[in-house]
C-alpha atoms as a PDB file:
ATOM      1  CA  MET A   1       0.455   0.360   0.012  1.00  0.00           C
ATOM      2  CA  ARG A   2       3.013   2.347   1.336  1.00  0.00           C
ATOM      3  CA  ARG A   3       4.437   1.746  -3.001  1.00  0.00           C
ATOM      4  CA  LYS A   4       1.437   2.531  -4.371  1.00  0.00           C
ATOM      5  CA  THR A   5       0.544   6.118  -2.464  1.00  0.00           C
ATOM      6  CA  LEU A   6       4.572   7.176  -2.797  1.00  0.00           C
ATOM      7  CA  PRO A   7       4.098   7.334  -6.818  1.00  0.00           C
ATOM      8  CA  MET A   8       0.741   9.041  -6.452  1.00  0.00           C
ATOM      9  CA  ILE A   9       2.092  11.643  -3.943  1.00  0.00           C
ATOM     10  CA  LEU A  10       4.639  12.410  -6.327  1.00  0.00           C
ATOM     11  CA  LEU A  11       2.155  13.126  -9.421  1.00  0.00           C
ATOM     12  CA  LEU A  12      -0.119  14.849  -7.615  1.00  0.00           C
ATOM     13  CA  ALA A  13       3.086  17.251  -6.366  1.00  0.00           C
ATOM     14  CA  LEU A  14       4.232  17.142 -10.574  1.00  0.00           C
ATOM     15  CA  ALA A  15       0.642  18.294 -11.299  1.00  0.00           C
ATOM     16  CA  ILE A  16       0.460  21.330  -8.838  1.00  0.00           C
ATOM     17  CA  THR A  17       4.016  22.609 -10.130  1.00  0.00           C
ATOM     18  CA  SER A  18       2.785  22.142 -13.276  1.00  0.00           C
ATOM     19  CA  ILE A  19      -0.496  24.518 -12.584  1.00  0.00           C
ATOM     20  CA  VAL A  20       1.338  26.869 -10.642  1.00  0.00           C
ATOM     21  CA  HIS A  21       3.503  27.546 -13.389  1.00  0.00           C
ATOM     22  CA  ILE A  22       1.386  27.958 -16.172  1.00  0.00           C
ATOM     23  CA  HIS A  23      -1.152  30.399 -14.341  1.00  0.00           C
ATOM     24  CA  GLN A  24       1.055  32.182 -12.331  1.00  0.00           C
ATOM     25  CA  ILE A  25      -0.817  34.110  -9.716  1.00  0.00           C
ATOM     26  CA  PRO A  26      -0.979  37.977  -9.779  1.00  0.00           C
ATOM     27  CA  MET A  27       1.129  39.967  -7.196  1.00  0.00           C
ATOM     28  CA  LEU A  28      -0.419  43.238  -6.434  1.00  0.00           C
ATOM     29  CA  GLU A  29       1.221  46.296  -7.023  1.00  0.00           C
ATOM     30  CA  THR A  30       1.881  48.934  -4.862  1.00  0.00           C
ATOM     31  CA  LYS A  31       1.219  52.179  -6.330  1.00  0.00           C
ATOM     32  CA  ALA A  32       2.736  55.390  -5.239  1.00  0.00           C
ATOM     33  CA  ALA A  33       0.759  58.006  -3.360  1.00  0.00           C
ATOM     34  CA  THR A  34      -0.756  60.789  -5.497  1.00  0.00           C
ATOM     35  CA  PRO A  35       1.447  64.138  -4.274  1.00  0.00           C
ATOM     36  CA  ILE A  36      -1.229  66.691  -2.992  1.00  0.00           C
ATOM     37  CA  LEU A  37      -0.595  70.296  -2.924  1.00  0.00           C
ATOM     38  CA  ARG A  38      -2.595  72.118  -0.219  1.00  0.00           C
ATOM     39  CA  ILE A  39      -3.438  75.443   0.878  1.00  0.00           C
ATOM     40  CA  VAL A  40      -3.877  74.907   4.636  1.00  0.00           C
ATOM     41  CA  ASP A  41      -7.269  76.086   6.198  1.00  0.00           C
ATOM     42  CA  THR A  42      -6.839  79.596   8.542  1.00  0.00           C
ATOM     43  CA  TYR A  43      -9.640  79.660  11.416  1.00  0.00           C
ATOM     44  CA  ASN A  44     -10.333  82.365  13.595  1.00  0.00           C
ATOM     45  CA  ILE A  45      -9.502  85.340  11.600  1.00  0.00           C
ATOM     46  CA  THR A  46     -11.700  88.094  13.686  1.00  0.00           C
ATOM     47  CA  GLN A  47     -10.383  91.595  14.055  1.00  0.00           C
ATOM     48  CA  LEU A  48      -9.987  93.928  11.328  1.00  0.00           C
ATOM     49  CA  ASN A  49      -6.103  94.758  10.490  1.00  0.00           C
ATOM     50  CA  MET A  50      -5.130  91.389  12.152  1.00  0.00           C
ATOM     51  CA  THR A  51      -2.703  89.612  10.111  1.00  0.00           C
ATOM     52  CA  PHE A  52      -2.061  86.001  10.018  1.00  0.00           C
ATOM     53  CA  ASN A  53      -0.077  82.928   7.868  1.00  0.00           C
ATOM     54  CA  VAL A  54      -1.159  81.034   5.105  1.00  0.00           C
ATOM     55  CA  ASN A  55       1.195  78.275   4.206  1.00  0.00           C
ATOM     56  CA  ILE A  56       1.300  75.962   1.239  1.00  0.00           C
ATOM     57  CA  THR A  57       2.414  72.331   1.978  1.00  0.00           C
ATOM     58  CA  ILE A  58       3.307  69.179  -0.408  1.00  0.00           C
ATOM     59  CA  THR A  59       2.722  65.895   0.011  1.00  0.00           C
ATOM     60  CA  ASP A  60       3.947  62.062  -0.496  1.00  0.00           C
ATOM     61  CA  VAL A  61       5.876  63.955  -4.292  1.00  0.00           C
ATOM     62  CA  SER A  62       9.483  62.792  -5.475  1.00  0.00           C
ATOM     63  CA  ASN A  63      12.391  64.472  -6.518  1.00  0.00           C
ATOM     64  CA  LEU A  64      10.375  67.599  -6.762  1.00  0.00           C
ATOM     65  CA  PHE A  65      12.921  70.049  -8.598  1.00  0.00           C
ATOM     66  CA  LEU A  66      10.209  73.263  -9.141  1.00  0.00           C
ATOM     67  CA  TRP A  67       7.043  73.986  -8.312  1.00  0.00           C
ATOM     68  CA  VAL A  68       4.719  77.355  -9.434  1.00  0.00           C
ATOM     69  CA  VAL A  69       1.199  78.061  -8.295  1.00  0.00           C
ATOM     70  CA  ASP A  70      -1.354  80.470  -9.451  1.00  0.00           C
ATOM     71  CA  LEU A  71      -3.672  82.120  -6.690  1.00  0.00           C
ATOM     72  CA  LYS A  72      -7.010  84.047  -6.439  1.00  0.00           C
ATOM     73  CA  TRP A  73      -8.953  85.239  -3.400  1.00  0.00           C
ATOM     74  CA  ASN A  74     -11.685  87.433  -2.251  1.00  0.00           C
ATOM     75  CA  ALA A  75      -9.836  90.887  -2.572  1.00  0.00           C
ATOM     76  CA  SER A  76     -12.182  92.655  -0.221  1.00  0.00           C
ATOM     77  CA  VAL A  77     -11.716  90.000   2.633  1.00  0.00           C
ATOM     78  CA  ILE A  78      -7.678  90.093   2.360  1.00  0.00           C
ATOM     79  CA  GLU A  79      -4.802  90.933   1.026  1.00  0.00           C
ATOM     80  CA  VAL A  80      -0.793  90.180   1.308  1.00  0.00           C
ATOM     81  CA  THR A  81       0.657  92.176   4.005  1.00  0.00           C
ATOM     82  CA  THR A  82       3.394  94.283   2.771  1.00  0.00           C
ATOM     83  CA  GLY A  83       6.366  95.504   4.476  1.00  0.00           C
ATOM     84  CA  ASP A  84       8.757  93.003   5.750  1.00  0.00           C
ATOM     85  CA  PRO A  85      12.390  93.247   3.831  1.00  0.00           C
ATOM     86  CA  GLN A  86      12.861  89.497   3.860  1.00  0.00           C
ATOM     87  CA  GLY A  87       9.649  89.283   1.592  1.00  0.00           C
ATOM     88  CA  ILE A  88       9.399  89.640  -1.946  1.00  0.00           C
ATOM     89  CA  ARG A  89      10.571  93.249  -3.467  1.00  0.00           C
ATOM     90  CA  ARG A  90       8.238  93.627  -6.348  1.00  0.00           C
ATOM     91  CA  VAL A  91       7.987  97.669  -8.290  1.00  0.00           C
ATOM     92  CA  VAL A  92       4.504  99.185  -7.478  1.00  0.00           C
ATOM     93  CA  GLY A  93       3.499 102.308  -8.707  1.00  0.00           C
ATOM     94  CA  GLY A  94       7.120 103.400  -9.517  1.00  0.00           C
ATOM     95  CA  LYS A  95       8.311 102.256  -6.095  1.00  0.00           C
ATOM     96  CA  TYR A  96       9.586  99.042  -4.729  1.00  0.00           C
ATOM     97  CA  VAL A  97       7.361  97.545  -2.423  1.00  0.00           C
ATOM     98  CA  TYR A  98       8.208  94.165  -0.077  1.00  0.00           C
ATOM     99  CA  PHE A  99       5.363  91.890   0.490  1.00  0.00           C
ATOM    100  CA  ASN A 100       5.388  89.327   2.877  1.00  0.00           C
ATOM    101  CA  LEU A 101       5.664  86.182   0.976  1.00  0.00           C
ATOM    102  CA  TYR A 102       8.490  83.887   2.059  1.00  0.00           C
ATOM    103  CA  GLU A 103      10.266  80.413   0.717  1.00  0.00           C
ATOM    104  CA  GLY A 104       9.584  77.445   3.011  1.00  0.00           C
ATOM    105  CA  PRO A 105      12.112  74.678   3.810  1.00  0.00           C
ATOM    106  CA  PHE A 106      11.091  72.021   1.629  1.00  0.00           C
ATOM    107  CA  LEU A 107      13.242  72.634  -1.550  1.00  0.00           C
ATOM    108  CA  LYS A 108      16.115  74.708  -0.215  1.00  0.00           C
ATOM    109  CA  GLU A 109      17.104  72.507   2.540  1.00  0.00           C
ATOM    110  CA  VAL A 110      18.736  70.086  -0.231  1.00  0.00           C
ATOM    111  CA  HIS A 111      20.590  73.092  -1.887  1.00  0.00           C
ATOM    112  CA  GLU A 112      20.200  76.935  -3.034  1.00  0.00           C
ATOM    113  CA  THR A 113      16.858  77.900  -4.678  1.00  0.00           C
ATOM    114  CA  SER A 114      15.387  81.211  -6.457  1.00  0.00           C
ATOM    115  CA  PHE A 115      12.358  82.398  -4.926  1.00  0.00           C
ATOM    116  CA  VAL A 116       9.794  84.375  -7.256  1.00  0.00           C
ATOM    117  CA  CYS A 117       6.346  85.597  -7.962  1.00  0.00           C
ATOM    118  CA  ASN A 118       5.505  87.740 -11.133  1.00  0.00           C
ATOM    119  CA  LYS A 119       2.736  89.333 -10.287  1.00  0.00           C
ATOM    120  CA  ILE A 120       0.686  90.491  -6.831  1.00  0.00           C
ATOM    121  CA  ASP A 121      -2.264  91.874  -7.436  1.00  0.00           C
ATOM    122  CA  ASN A 122      -3.611  92.882  -4.026  1.00  0.00           C
ATOM    123  CA  THR A 123      -6.809  94.872  -5.943  1.00  0.00           C
ATOM    124  CA  GLN A 124      -7.588  91.794  -8.044  1.00  0.00           C
ATOM    125  CA  GLY A 125      -6.488  88.970  -5.059  1.00  0.00           C
ATOM    126  CA  GLU A 126      -4.392  87.383  -7.402  1.00  0.00           C
ATOM    127  CA  LEU A 127      -1.025  86.422  -6.959  1.00  0.00           C
ATOM    128  CA  THR A 128       0.606  85.186 -10.762  1.00  0.00           C
ATOM    129  CA  HIS A 129       3.435  82.169 -10.756  1.00  0.00           C
ATOM    130  CA  LEU A 130       4.376  82.688  -7.378  1.00  0.00           C
ATOM    131  CA  GLY A 131       7.190  79.152  -6.671  1.00  0.00           C
ATOM    132  CA  ALA A 132      10.607  77.961  -6.357  1.00  0.00           C
ATOM    133  CA  ALA A 133      13.038  75.952  -8.146  1.00  0.00           C
ATOM    134  CA  TYR A 134      16.648  75.220  -7.796  1.00  0.00           C
ATOM    135  CA  THR A 135      19.512  77.546  -9.189  1.00  0.00           C
ATOM    136  CA  SER A 136      21.797  74.420 -10.491  1.00  0.00           C
ATOM    137  CA  LEU A 137      21.295  70.902 -11.350  1.00  0.00           C
ATOM    138  CA  GLY A 138      20.810  67.923  -9.271  1.00  0.00           C
ATOM    139  CA  SER A 139      18.230  65.991  -7.321  1.00  0.00           C
ATOM    140  CA  GLY A 140      15.173  67.053  -6.227  1.00  0.00           C
ATOM    141  CA  ALA A 141      13.219  67.121  -2.635  1.00  0.00           C
ATOM    142  CA  SER A 142      11.036  63.820  -1.884  1.00  0.00           C
ATOM    143  CA  GLY A 143       8.577  63.408   0.759  1.00  0.00           C
ATOM    144  CA  SER A 144       6.380  66.069   2.411  1.00  0.00           C
ATOM    145  CA  GLY A 145       6.508  69.313   3.924  1.00  0.00           C
ATOM    146  CA  LEU A 146       6.059  73.423   3.499  1.00  0.00           C
ATOM    147  CA  LEU A 147       6.894  74.952   0.345  1.00  0.00           C
ATOM    148  CA  ALA A 148       5.712  78.964   0.845  1.00  0.00           C
ATOM    149  CA  THR A 149       4.020  80.714   3.835  1.00  0.00           C
ATOM    150  CA  MET A 150       1.687  83.849   2.543  1.00  0.00           C
ATOM    151  CA  ASN A 151       1.262  86.335   5.286  1.00  0.00           C
ATOM    152  CA  PHE A 152      -2.142  88.322   4.698  1.00  0.00           C
ATOM    153  CA  THR A 153      -4.288  91.227   6.456  1.00  0.00           C
ATOM    154  CA  CYS A 154      -7.924  90.755   7.127  1.00  0.00           C
ATOM    155  CA  LEU A 155      -9.862  93.671   5.406  1.00  0.00           C
ATOM    156  CA  SER A 156     -13.373  92.651   6.450  1.00  0.00           C
ATOM    157  CA  VAL A 157     -14.081  89.642   8.802  1.00  0.00           C
ATOM    158  CA  GLY A 158     -15.768  87.032   6.601  1.00  0.00           C
ATOM    159  CA  GLU A 159     -14.610  83.883   4.672  1.00  0.00           C
ATOM    160  CA  THR A 160     -13.140  83.387   1.587  1.00  0.00           C
ATOM    161  CA  THR A 161     -11.520  80.686  -0.387  1.00  0.00           C
ATOM    162  CA  ILE A 162      -7.752  80.594  -1.888  1.00  0.00           C
ATOM    163  CA  GLU A 163      -8.218  79.169  -4.621  1.00  0.00           C
ATOM    164  CA  ILE A 164      -5.109  77.239  -6.699  1.00  0.00           C
ATOM    165  CA  VAL A 165      -6.082  78.169 -10.263  1.00  0.00           C
ATOM    166  CA  ASP A 166      -3.168  76.532 -12.108  1.00  0.00           C
ATOM    167  CA  SER A 167      -0.025  74.769 -10.861  1.00  0.00           C
ATOM    168  CA  VAL A 168       3.047  72.914 -11.928  1.00  0.00           C
ATOM    169  CA  LEU A 169       5.175  70.881 -10.126  1.00  0.00           C
ATOM    170  CA  MET A 170       8.559  69.545 -11.878  1.00  0.00           C
ATOM    171  CA  SER A 171      11.391  66.884 -11.483  1.00  0.00           C
ATOM    172  CA  SER A 172      14.503  67.174 -11.775  1.00  0.00           C
ATOM    173  CA  GLN A 173      13.998  65.051 -14.976  1.00  0.00           C
ATOM    174  CA  GLN A 174      12.116  68.259 -16.219  1.00  0.00           C
ATOM    175  CA  GLN A 175       8.821  65.696 -16.247  1.00  0.00           C
ATOM    176  CA  SER A 176       5.619  67.328 -15.339  1.00  0.00           C
ATOM    177  CA  ILE A 177       4.551  65.594 -11.794  1.00  0.00           C
ATOM    178  CA  ALA A 178       0.780  64.492 -11.678  1.00  0.00           C
ATOM    179  CA  HIS A 179      -0.683  66.109  -8.398  1.00  0.00           C
ATOM    180  CA  GLN A 180      -3.873  66.943  -6.671  1.00  0.00           C
ATOM    181  CA  ARG A 181      -5.114  70.691  -5.648  1.00  0.00           C
ATOM    182  CA  VAL A 182      -6.989  71.345  -2.461  1.00  0.00           C
ATOM    183  CA  ASN A 183      -7.949  75.029  -1.986  1.00  0.00           C
ATOM    184  CA  GLY A 184      -7.972  76.444   1.586  1.00  0.00           C
ATOM    185  CA  THR A 185     -10.280  78.567   3.240  1.00  0.00           C
ATOM    186  CA  VAL A 186      -9.579  81.766   5.552  1.00  0.00           C
ATOM    187  CA  THR A 187     -12.672  81.902   7.941  1.00  0.00           C
ATOM    188  CA  GLY A 188     -13.385  83.889  11.263  1.00  0.00           C
ATOM    189  CA  LYS A 189     -14.851  80.423  12.602  1.00  0.00           C
ATOM    190  CA  PRO A 190     -13.202  78.013  14.839  1.00  0.00           C
ATOM    191  CA  PRO A 191     -11.580  75.331  13.421  1.00  0.00           C
ATOM    192  CA  PRO A 192     -13.739  71.702  13.380  1.00  0.00           C
ATOM    193  CA  ILE A 193     -13.441  69.459  16.735  1.00  0.00           C
ATOM    194  CA  PRO A 194     -11.551  66.737  15.951  1.00  0.00           C
ATOM    195  CA  PRO A 195     -12.777  63.025  16.085  1.00  0.00           C
ATOM    196  CA  ILE A 196     -13.346  61.964  19.806  1.00  0.00           C
ATOM    197  CA  TRP A 197     -10.626  58.950  19.313  1.00  0.00           C
ATOM    198  CA  THR A 198      -8.005  61.949  18.248  1.00  0.00           C
ATOM    199  CA  GLN A 199      -7.902  63.790  21.570  1.00  0.00           C
ATOM    200  CA  LEU A 200      -5.213  62.939  23.781  1.00  0.00           C
ATOM    201  CA  TRP A 201      -7.399  62.941  27.092  1.00  0.00           C
ATOM    202  CA  PHE A 202      -9.705  60.208  25.430  1.00  0.00           C
ATOM    203  CA  GLN A 203      -6.456  57.686  24.236  1.00  0.00           C
ATOM    204  CA  GLY A 204      -5.499  58.808  28.026  1.00  0.00           C
ATOM    205  CA  THR A 205      -9.142  57.405  29.552  1.00  0.00           C
ATOM    206  CA  ILE A 206      -8.449  54.635  27.480  1.00  0.00           C
ATOM    207  CA  VAL A 207      -4.904  53.303  28.581  1.00  0.00           C
ATOM    208  CA  GLY A 208      -6.101  54.369  32.072  1.00  0.00           C
ATOM    209  CA  ILE A 209      -9.111  51.778  31.546  1.00  0.00           C
ATOM    210  CA  ALA A 210      -6.785  48.937  30.192  1.00  0.00           C
ATOM    211  CA  VAL A 211      -4.224  49.600  33.190  1.00  0.00           C
ATOM    212  CA  VAL A 212      -6.967  49.063  35.516  1.00  0.00           C
ATOM    213  CA  ALA A 213      -8.464  46.267  33.955  1.00  0.00           C
ATOM    214  CA  VAL A 214      -5.383  44.422  33.686  1.00  0.00           C
ATOM    215  CA  VAL A 215      -3.966  45.073  37.133  1.00  0.00           C
ATOM    216  CA  ALA A 216      -7.748  44.196  38.336  1.00  0.00           C
ATOM    217  CA  THR A 217      -7.199  40.548  36.331  1.00  0.00           C
ATOM    218  CA  THR A 218      -3.692  40.223  37.512  1.00  0.00           C
ATOM    219  CA  PHE A 219      -5.162  40.557  41.170  1.00  0.00           C
ATOM    220  CA  ARG A 220      -7.767  37.983  40.717  1.00  0.00           C
ATOM    221  CA  TYR A 221      -5.827  35.644  38.931  1.00  0.00           C
ATOM    222  CA  ARG A 222      -3.136  35.589  41.997  1.00  0.00           C
ATOM    223  CA  LYS A 223      -6.230  35.553  44.434  1.00  0.00           C
ATOM    224  CA  LYS A 224      -7.963  32.504  42.990  1.00  0.00           C
ATOM    225  CA  ILE A 225      -4.299  30.455  42.759  1.00  0.00           C
ATOM    226  CA  ALA A 226      -3.459  31.977  46.616  1.00  0.00           C
ATOM    227  CA  GLN A 227      -6.648  30.077  47.636  1.00  0.00           C
ATOM    228  CA  ARG A 228      -5.724  26.942  45.977  1.00  0.00           C
ATOM    229  CA  LEU A 229      -2.351  26.868  47.558  1.00  0.00           C
ATOM    230  CA  PRO A 230      -3.352  25.293  50.946  1.00  0.00           C
ATOM    231  CA  LYS A 231      -5.571  22.755  49.693  1.00  0.00           C
ATOM    232  CA  ARG A 232      -2.809  21.830  47.182  1.00  0.00           C
ATOM    233  CA  GLU A 233      -0.871  21.391  50.417  1.00  0.00           C
ATOM    234  CA  LYS A 234      -3.231  19.649  52.649  1.00  0.00           C
ATOM    235  CA  GLU A 235      -4.179  16.943  49.892  1.00  0.00           C
ATOM    236  CA  THR A 236      -0.114  16.857  49.418  1.00  0.00           C
ATOM    237  CA  ASP A 237       0.044  15.747  52.936  1.00  0.00           C
ATOM    238  CA  GLU A 238      -2.510  13.583  53.103  1.00  0.00           C
ATOM    239  CA  LEU A 239      -0.465  11.673  50.804  1.00  0.00           C
ATOM    240  CA  VAL A 240       2.646  11.295  52.670  1.00  0.00           C
ATOM    241  CA  GLU A 241       0.575   9.960  55.228  1.00  0.00           C
ATOM    242  CA  GLU A 242      -1.014   7.194  53.402  1.00  0.00           C
ATOM    243  CA  GLU A 243       1.996   6.421  52.149  1.00  0.00           C
ATOM    244  CA  LEU A 244       3.689   5.974  55.329  1.00  0.00           C
ATOM    245  CA  ARG A 245       0.668   4.195  56.896  1.00  0.00           C
ATOM    246  CA  PHE A 246       1.210   2.202  53.517  1.00  0.00           C
ATOM    247  CA  GLN A 247       5.297   1.459  54.362  1.00  0.00           C
ATOM    248  CA  LYS A 248       4.305   1.006  57.846  1.00  0.00           C
ATOM    249  CA  SER A 249       1.947  -2.091  57.185  1.00  0.00           C
ATOM    250  CA  ARG A 250       4.754  -3.894  55.203  1.00  0.00           C
ATOM    251  CA  ILE A 251       6.845  -3.987  57.965  1.00  0.00           C
END
């Protein structure tokens, strides 16, 4: 019986190997996340002439060499703040004006960049060709980070969208990088309350309950063991005495 079974097993193994070889099981491909170019929402802008920052961020990008955006907003609600010599300098009405626009660290932490804006129009509420690029050839930046910070002044308490009208991301190989755009909002409203399970007090409470449950369970098991020990000791003594009696009876 054993001699007949072994060849059958070998034939079955060969058949399975042939089937797997012919019909390869497709492997799931891991696709890279699509980069997201985002204007970060800003809340609690409730006072006239209040200045505040709005960030432009990028997430999940690879080999970014250059980025450019065109932005638009409601010019009656906010305007780009002016006056900081560390900002971008433009000629307005025959004189230099500094606009409070600043490059973020994402690109320039790799190597030297140029940060520019072709047109800054507070009357229309527009930024045209705001962006940065490396000044020399080399690899680009990868990952997620801050591209730029824009400082605005509140002209009227209300709400406006800062819309990404157009945008370009380019790699060091001068190839366009596909990406998603997410517009931002400036509002006097408070930020939305995050889900309860993301709040520290809730997480701390859950951890506390878990610790108490573990301690209580450990104590309960220790108590049960302690209650059973005397019984086991009594059973052992009885067995010893019984053995002694048996030995005496044989003498």
